[in-house]
PDB file of N, CA and C in Angstrom:
ATOM      1  N   MET A   1      22.439  -8.111 -17.648  1.00  0.00           N
ATOM      2  CA  MET A   1      21.787  -6.867 -17.313  1.00  0.00           C
ATOM      3  C   MET A   1      20.355  -7.175 -16.874  1.00  0.00           C
ATOM      4  N   GLY A   2      19.954  -6.589 -15.754  1.00  0.00           N
ATOM      5  CA  GLY A   2      18.626  -6.836 -15.219  1.00  0.00           C
ATOM      6  C   GLY A   2      17.541  -6.104 -15.984  1.00  0.00           C
ATOM      7  N   ARG A   3      16.337  -6.495 -15.710  1.00  0.00           N
ATOM      8  CA  ARG A   3      15.193  -5.941 -16.437  1.00  0.00           C
ATOM      9  C   ARG A   3      15.062  -4.429 -16.257  1.00  0.00           C
ATOM     10  N   LEU A   4      15.281  -3.941 -15.027  1.00  0.00           N
ATOM     11  CA  LEU A   4      15.175  -2.497 -14.805  1.00  0.00           C
ATOM     12  C   LEU A   4      16.248  -1.746 -15.577  1.00  0.00           C
ATOM     13  N   ARG A   5      17.449  -2.271 -15.607  1.00  0.00           N
ATOM     14  CA  ARG A   5      18.517  -1.615 -16.370  1.00  0.00           C
ATOM     15  C   ARG A   5      18.202  -1.604 -17.861  1.00  0.00           C
ATOM     16  N   ARG A   6      17.644  -2.707 -18.351  1.00  0.00           N
ATOM     17  CA  ARG A   6      17.274  -2.745 -19.769  1.00  0.00           C
ATOM     18  C   ARG A   6      16.189  -1.714 -20.077  1.00  0.00           C
ATOM     19  N   LEU A   7      15.213  -1.607 -19.182  1.00  0.00           N
ATOM     20  CA  LEU A   7      14.166  -0.606 -19.377  1.00  0.00           C
ATOM     21  C   LEU A   7      14.759   0.805 -19.341  1.00  0.00           C
ATOM     22  N   ALA A   8      15.620   1.066 -18.375  1.00  0.00           N
ATOM     23  CA  ALA A   8      16.225   2.396 -18.246  1.00  0.00           C
ATOM     24  C   ALA A   8      17.076   2.745 -19.456  1.00  0.00           C
ATOM     25  N   ALA A   9      17.749   1.761 -20.016  1.00  0.00           N
ATOM     26  CA  ALA A   9      18.630   2.001 -21.166  1.00  0.00           C
ATOM     27  C   ALA A   9      17.873   2.023 -22.485  1.00  0.00           C
ATOM     28  N   GLY A  10      16.616   1.645 -22.458  1.00  0.00           N
ATOM     29  CA  GLY A  10      15.836   1.553 -23.691  1.00  0.00           C
ATOM     30  C   GLY A  10      15.327   2.897 -24.178  1.00  0.00           C
ATOM     31  N   ASP A  11      14.449   2.824 -25.162  1.00  0.00           N
ATOM     32  CA  ASP A  11      13.945   4.019 -25.842  1.00  0.00           C
ATOM     33  C   ASP A  11      12.602   4.533 -25.317  1.00  0.00           C
ATOM     34  N   LEU A  12      12.019   3.854 -24.338  1.00  0.00           N
ATOM     35  CA  LEU A  12      10.706   4.270 -23.858  1.00  0.00           C
ATOM     36  C   LEU A  12      10.790   5.611 -23.141  1.00  0.00           C
ATOM     37  N   ASP A  13       9.743   6.426 -23.299  1.00  0.00           N
ATOM     38  CA  ASP A  13       9.691   7.680 -22.547  1.00  0.00           C
ATOM     39  C   ASP A  13       9.254   7.376 -21.112  1.00  0.00           C
ATOM     40  N   GLU A  14       9.347   8.366 -20.249  1.00  0.00           N
ATOM     41  CA  GLU A  14       9.081   8.139 -18.831  1.00  0.00           C
ATOM     42  C   GLU A  14       7.663   7.640 -18.534  1.00  0.00           C
ATOM     43  N   PRO A  15       6.618   8.211 -19.144  1.00  0.00           N
ATOM     44  CA  PRO A  15       5.277   7.668 -18.896  1.00  0.00           C
ATOM     45  C   PRO A  15       5.155   6.195 -19.322  1.00  0.00           C
ATOM     46  N   SER A  16       5.797   5.827 -20.406  1.00  0.00           N
ATOM     47  CA  SER A  16       5.761   4.432 -20.854  1.00  0.00           C
ATOM     48  C   SER A  16       6.529   3.526 -19.903  1.00  0.00           C
ATOM     49  N   LEU A  17       7.610   4.035 -19.326  1.00  0.00           N
ATOM     50  CA  LEU A  17       8.358   3.257 -18.324  1.00  0.00           C
ATOM     51  C   LEU A  17       7.495   2.994 -17.101  1.00  0.00           C
ATOM     52  N   VAL A  18       6.778   4.005 -16.664  1.00  0.00           N
ATOM     53  CA  VAL A  18       5.871   3.849 -15.515  1.00  0.00           C
ATOM     54  C   VAL A  18       4.806   2.811 -15.842  1.00  0.00           C
ATOM     55  N   ASP A  19       4.196   2.914 -17.021  1.00  0.00           N
ATOM     56  CA  ASP A  19       3.186   1.939 -17.433  1.00  0.00           C
ATOM     57  C   ASP A  19       3.759   0.525 -17.433  1.00  0.00           C
ATOM     58  N   GLU A  20       4.944   0.379 -17.975  1.00  0.00           N
ATOM     59  CA  GLU A  20       5.584  -0.937 -18.065  1.00  0.00           C
ATOM     60  C   GLU A  20       5.818  -1.531 -16.678  1.00  0.00           C
ATOM     61  N   LEU A  21       6.287  -0.709 -15.750  1.00  0.00           N
ATOM     62  CA  LEU A  21       6.556  -1.210 -14.400  1.00  0.00           C
ATOM     63  C   LEU A  21       5.265  -1.596 -13.676  1.00  0.00           C
ATOM     64  N   TYR A  22       4.216  -0.807 -13.861  1.00  0.00           N
ATOM     65  CA  TYR A  22       2.927  -1.155 -13.254  1.00  0.00           C
ATOM     66  C   TYR A  22       2.404  -2.474 -13.819  1.00  0.00           C
ATOM     67  N   LEU A  23       2.502  -2.631 -15.115  1.00  0.00           N
ATOM     68  CA  LEU A  23       2.045  -3.878 -15.725  1.00  0.00           C
ATOM     69  C   LEU A  23       2.871  -5.062 -15.235  1.00  0.00           C
ATOM     70  N   LEU A  24       4.154  -4.869 -15.110  1.00  0.00           N
ATOM     71  CA  LEU A  24       5.045  -5.926 -14.648  1.00  0.00           C
ATOM     72  C   LEU A  24       4.729  -6.356 -13.218  1.00  0.00           C
ATOM     73  N   LEU A  25       4.551  -5.388 -12.328  1.00  0.00           N
ATOM     74  CA  LEU A  25       4.383  -5.708 -10.909  1.00  0.00           C
ATOM     75  C   LEU A  25       2.942  -5.904 -10.469  1.00  0.00           C
ATOM     76  N   LEU A  26       2.032  -5.110 -11.007  1.00  0.00           N
ATOM     77  CA  LEU A  26       0.651  -5.175 -10.527  1.00  0.00           C
ATOM     78  C   LEU A  26      -0.315  -5.753 -11.551  1.00  0.00           C
ATOM     79  N   GLY A  27       0.156  -5.941 -12.779  1.00  0.00           N
ATOM     80  CA  GLY A  27      -0.693  -6.532 -13.808  1.00  0.00           C
ATOM     81  C   GLY A  27      -1.773  -5.602 -14.316  1.00  0.00           C
ATOM     82  N   ARG A  28      -1.566  -4.312 -14.138  1.00  0.00           N
ATOM     83  CA  ARG A  28      -2.538  -3.324 -14.607  1.00  0.00           C
ATOM     84  C   ARG A  28      -1.814  -2.015 -14.876  1.00  0.00           C
ATOM     85  N   PRO A  29      -2.414  -1.165 -15.695  1.00  0.00           N
ATOM     86  CA  PRO A  29      -1.810   0.156 -15.909  1.00  0.00           C
ATOM     87  C   PRO A  29      -2.080   1.050 -14.699  1.00  0.00           C
ATOM     88  N   PRO A  30      -1.261   2.067 -14.509  1.00  0.00           N
ATOM     89  CA  PRO A  30      -1.509   2.974 -13.379  1.00  0.00           C
ATOM     90  C   PRO A  30      -2.700   3.885 -13.651  1.00  0.00           C
ATOM     91  N   ALA A  31      -3.380   4.254 -12.588  1.00  0.00           N
ATOM     92  CA  ALA A  31      -4.421   5.283 -12.701  1.00  0.00           C
ATOM     93  C   ALA A  31      -3.723   6.611 -12.962  1.00  0.00           C
ATOM     94  N   ASP A  32      -4.464   7.594 -13.401  1.00  0.00           N
ATOM     95  CA  ASP A  32      -3.867   8.890 -13.726  1.00  0.00           C
ATOM     96  C   ASP A  32      -3.107   9.481 -12.542  1.00  0.00           C
ATOM     97  N   ALA A  33      -3.698   9.433 -11.347  1.00  0.00           N
ATOM     98  CA  ALA A  33      -3.032   9.977 -10.157  1.00  0.00           C
ATOM     99  C   ALA A  33      -1.767   9.178  -9.824  1.00  0.00           C
ATOM    100  N   GLU A  34      -1.819   7.864 -10.003  1.00  0.00           N
ATOM    101  CA  GLU A  34      -0.637   7.030  -9.753  1.00  0.00           C
ATOM    102  C   GLU A  34       0.481   7.349 -10.740  1.00  0.00           C
ATOM    103  N   ARG A  35       0.111   7.534 -12.012  1.00  0.00           N
ATOM    104  CA  ARG A  35       1.104   7.859 -13.031  1.00  0.00           C
ATOM    105  C   ARG A  35       1.773   9.193 -12.712  1.00  0.00           C
ATOM    106  N   LYS A  36       0.968  10.172 -12.332  1.00  0.00           N
ATOM    107  CA  LYS A  36       1.505  11.492 -12.008  1.00  0.00           C
ATOM    108  C   LYS A  36       2.467  11.401 -10.827  1.00  0.00           C
ATOM    109  N   ALA A  37       2.085  10.681  -9.786  1.00  0.00           N
ATOM    110  CA  ALA A  37       2.962  10.535  -8.620  1.00  0.00           C
ATOM    111  C   ALA A  37       4.235   9.779  -8.985  1.00  0.00           C
ATOM    112  N   ALA A  38       4.113   8.734  -9.782  1.00  0.00           N
ATOM    113  CA  ALA A  38       5.272   7.926 -10.165  1.00  0.00           C
ATOM    114  C   ALA A  38       6.243   8.720 -11.023  1.00  0.00           C
ATOM    115  N   LEU A  39       5.739   9.586 -11.872  1.00  0.00           N
ATOM    116  CA  LEU A  39       6.612  10.395 -12.721  1.00  0.00           C
ATOM    117  C   LEU A  39       7.451  11.364 -11.895  1.00  0.00           C
ATOM    118  N   GLY A  40       6.999  11.657 -10.685  1.00  0.00           N
ATOM    119  CA  GLY A  40       7.779  12.514  -9.791  1.00  0.00           C
ATOM    120  C   GLY A  40       9.131  11.924  -9.446  1.00  0.00           C
ATOM    121  N   ALA A  41       9.259  10.609  -9.491  1.00  0.00           N
ATOM    122  CA  ALA A  41      10.540   9.960  -9.190  1.00  0.00           C
ATOM    123  C   ALA A  41      11.611  10.356 -10.194  1.00  0.00           C
ATOM    124  N   PHE A  42      11.196  10.685 -11.408  1.00  0.00           N
ATOM    125  CA  PHE A  42      12.155  11.044 -12.450  1.00  0.00           C
ATOM    126  C   PHE A  42      12.639  12.486 -12.330  1.00  0.00           C
ATOM    127  N   SER A  43      11.915  13.309 -11.573  1.00  0.00           N
ATOM    128  CA  SER A  43      12.292  14.715 -11.459  1.00  0.00           C
ATOM    129  C   SER A  43      12.995  15.046 -10.146  1.00  0.00           C
ATOM    130  N   LYS A  44      13.287  14.043  -9.338  1.00  0.00           N
ATOM    131  CA  LYS A  44      14.032  14.281  -8.109  1.00  0.00           C
ATOM    132  C   LYS A  44      15.440  14.762  -8.449  1.00  0.00           C
ATOM    133  N   PRO A  45      16.010  15.593  -7.589  1.00  0.00           N
ATOM    134  CA  PRO A  45      17.384  16.036  -7.844  1.00  0.00           C
ATOM    135  C   PRO A  45      18.333  14.837  -7.961  1.00  0.00           C
ATOM    136  N   GLU A  46      19.162  14.871  -8.958  1.00  0.00           N
ATOM    137  CA  GLU A  46      20.171  13.847  -9.215  1.00  0.00           C
ATOM    138  C   GLU A  46      19.602  12.471  -9.578  1.00  0.00           C
ATOM    139  N   ALA A  47      18.317  12.406  -9.893  1.00  0.00           N
ATOM    140  CA  ALA A  47      17.714  11.133 -10.298  1.00  0.00           C
ATOM    141  C   ALA A  47      18.138  10.785 -11.722  1.00  0.00           C
ATOM    142  N   THR A  48      18.396   9.526 -11.930  1.00  0.00           N
ATOM    143  CA  THR A  48      18.618   9.009 -13.279  1.00  0.00           C
ATOM    144  C   THR A  48      17.420   8.133 -13.618  1.00  0.00           C
ATOM    145  N   ARG A  49      17.324   7.745 -14.857  1.00  0.00           N
ATOM    146  CA  ARG A  49      16.231   6.842 -15.243  1.00  0.00           C
ATOM    147  C   ARG A  49      16.309   5.553 -14.426  1.00  0.00           C
ATOM    148  N   GLU A  50      17.530   5.064 -14.228  1.00  0.00           N
ATOM    149  CA  GLU A  50      17.695   3.811 -13.495  1.00  0.00           C
ATOM    150  C   GLU A  50      17.311   3.963 -12.021  1.00  0.00           C
ATOM    151  N   THR A  51      17.766   5.019 -11.367  1.00  0.00           N
ATOM    152  CA  THR A  51      17.431   5.180  -9.945  1.00  0.00           C
ATOM    153  C   THR A  51      15.945   5.453  -9.762  1.00  0.00           C
ATOM    154  N   ALA A  52      15.338   6.197 -10.695  1.00  0.00           N
ATOM    155  CA  ALA A  52      13.897   6.445 -10.605  1.00  0.00           C
ATOM    156  C   ALA A  52      13.118   5.142 -10.743  1.00  0.00           C
ATOM    157  N   LEU A  53      13.521   4.300 -11.679  1.00  0.00           N
ATOM    158  CA  LEU A  53      12.851   3.004 -11.842  1.00  0.00           C
ATOM    159  C   LEU A  53      13.053   2.115 -10.623  1.00  0.00           C
ATOM    160  N   GLU A  54      14.241   2.129 -10.058  1.00  0.00           N
ATOM    161  CA  GLU A  54      14.500   1.337  -8.855  1.00  0.00           C
ATOM    162  C   GLU A  54      13.619   1.806  -7.706  1.00  0.00           C
ATOM    163  N   ASP A  55      13.527   3.119  -7.511  1.00  0.00           N
ATOM    164  CA  ASP A  55      12.685   3.658  -6.441  1.00  0.00           C
ATOM    165  C   ASP A  55      11.229   3.275  -6.652  1.00  0.00           C
ATOM    166  N   LEU A  56      10.773   3.413  -7.871  1.00  0.00           N
ATOM    167  CA  LEU A  56       9.388   3.063  -8.180  1.00  0.00           C
ATOM    168  C   LEU A  56       9.140   1.567  -8.011  1.00  0.00           C
ATOM    169  N   PHE A  57      10.095   0.752  -8.432  1.00  0.00           N
ATOM    170  CA  PHE A  57       9.991  -0.696  -8.282  1.00  0.00           C
ATOM    171  C   PHE A  57       9.772  -1.063  -6.814  1.00  0.00           C
ATOM    172  N   TRP A  58      10.640  -0.540  -5.945  1.00  0.00           N
ATOM    173  CA  TRP A  58      10.525  -0.879  -4.522  1.00  0.00           C
ATOM    174  C   TRP A  58       9.252  -0.321  -3.906  1.00  0.00           C
ATOM    175  N   ALA A  59       8.836   0.855  -4.334  1.00  0.00           N
ATOM    176  CA  ALA A  59       7.588   1.423  -3.822  1.00  0.00           C
ATOM    177  C   ALA A  59       6.396   0.538  -4.196  1.00  0.00           C
ATOM    178  N   LEU A  60       6.358   0.079  -5.437  1.00  0.00           N
ATOM    179  CA  LEU A  60       5.259  -0.789  -5.872  1.00  0.00           C
ATOM    180  C   LEU A  60       5.321  -2.154  -5.206  1.00  0.00           C
ATOM    181  N   LEU A  61       6.509  -2.660  -5.027  1.00  0.00           N
ATOM    182  CA  LEU A  61       6.684  -3.968  -4.399  1.00  0.00           C
ATOM    183  C   LEU A  61       6.176  -3.975  -2.963  1.00  0.00           C
ATOM    184  N   ASN A  62       6.202  -2.824  -2.321  1.00  0.00           N
ATOM    185  CA  ASN A  62       5.781  -2.723  -0.922  1.00  0.00           C
ATOM    186  C   ASN A  62       4.354  -2.215  -0.745  1.00  0.00           C
ATOM    187  N   THR A  63       3.593  -2.089  -1.822  1.00  0.00           N
ATOM    188  CA  THR A  63       2.210  -1.653  -1.698  1.00  0.00           C
ATOM    189  C   THR A  63       1.346  -2.802  -1.182  1.00  0.00           C
ATOM    190  N   PRO A  64       0.287  -2.482  -0.458  1.00  0.00           N
ATOM    191  CA  PRO A  64      -0.625  -3.545  -0.047  1.00  0.00           C
ATOM    192  C   PRO A  64      -1.195  -4.321  -1.225  1.00  0.00           C
ATOM    193  N   GLU A  65      -1.416  -3.651  -2.343  1.00  0.00           N
ATOM    194  CA  GLU A  65      -1.940  -4.341  -3.524  1.00  0.00           C
ATOM    195  C   GLU A  65      -1.027  -5.451  -3.960  1.00  0.00           C
ATOM    196  N   PHE A  66       0.274  -5.196  -4.003  1.00  0.00           N
ATOM    197  CA  PHE A  66       1.222  -6.230  -4.405  1.00  0.00           C
ATOM    198  C   PHE A  66       1.320  -7.308  -3.331  1.00  0.00           C
ATOM    199  N   VAL A  67       1.459  -6.905  -2.086  1.00  0.00           N
ATOM    200  CA  VAL A  67       1.641  -7.866  -0.997  1.00  0.00           C
ATOM    201  C   VAL A  67       0.445  -8.795  -0.864  1.00  0.00           C
ATOM    202  N   LEU A  68      -0.759  -8.272  -1.012  1.00  0.00           N
ATOM    203  CA  LEU A  68      -1.959  -9.087  -0.812  1.00  0.00           C
ATOM    204  C   LEU A  68      -2.419  -9.840  -2.049  1.00  0.00           C
ATOM    205  N   ASN A  69      -2.063  -9.363  -3.230  1.00  0.00           N
ATOM    206  CA  ASN A  69      -2.583  -9.969  -4.446  1.00  0.00           C
ATOM    207  C   ASN A  69      -1.576 -10.780  -5.242  1.00  0.00           C
ATOM    208  N   HIS A  70      -0.304 -10.599  -4.971  1.00  0.00           N
ATOM    209  CA  HIS A  70       0.688 -11.258  -5.824  1.00  0.00           C
ATOM    210  C   HIS A  70       1.645 -12.027  -5.005  1.00  0.00           C
TER     211      HIS A  70
END
């Protein structure tokens, strides 16, 4: 089972999942505006915890911050 699936299946609440993914990919916690925007992935129609994390993962992976710094 991959890391995202383990996170999705775990006990963390959605804000903690967002924090965990930011720390994993960018090495820092999200700013308040980033956290708010990221939490929107969980409220999309038909979104599951796993699909929301996958969407957020790919969004962060494609940010200039990740591309230029990591």
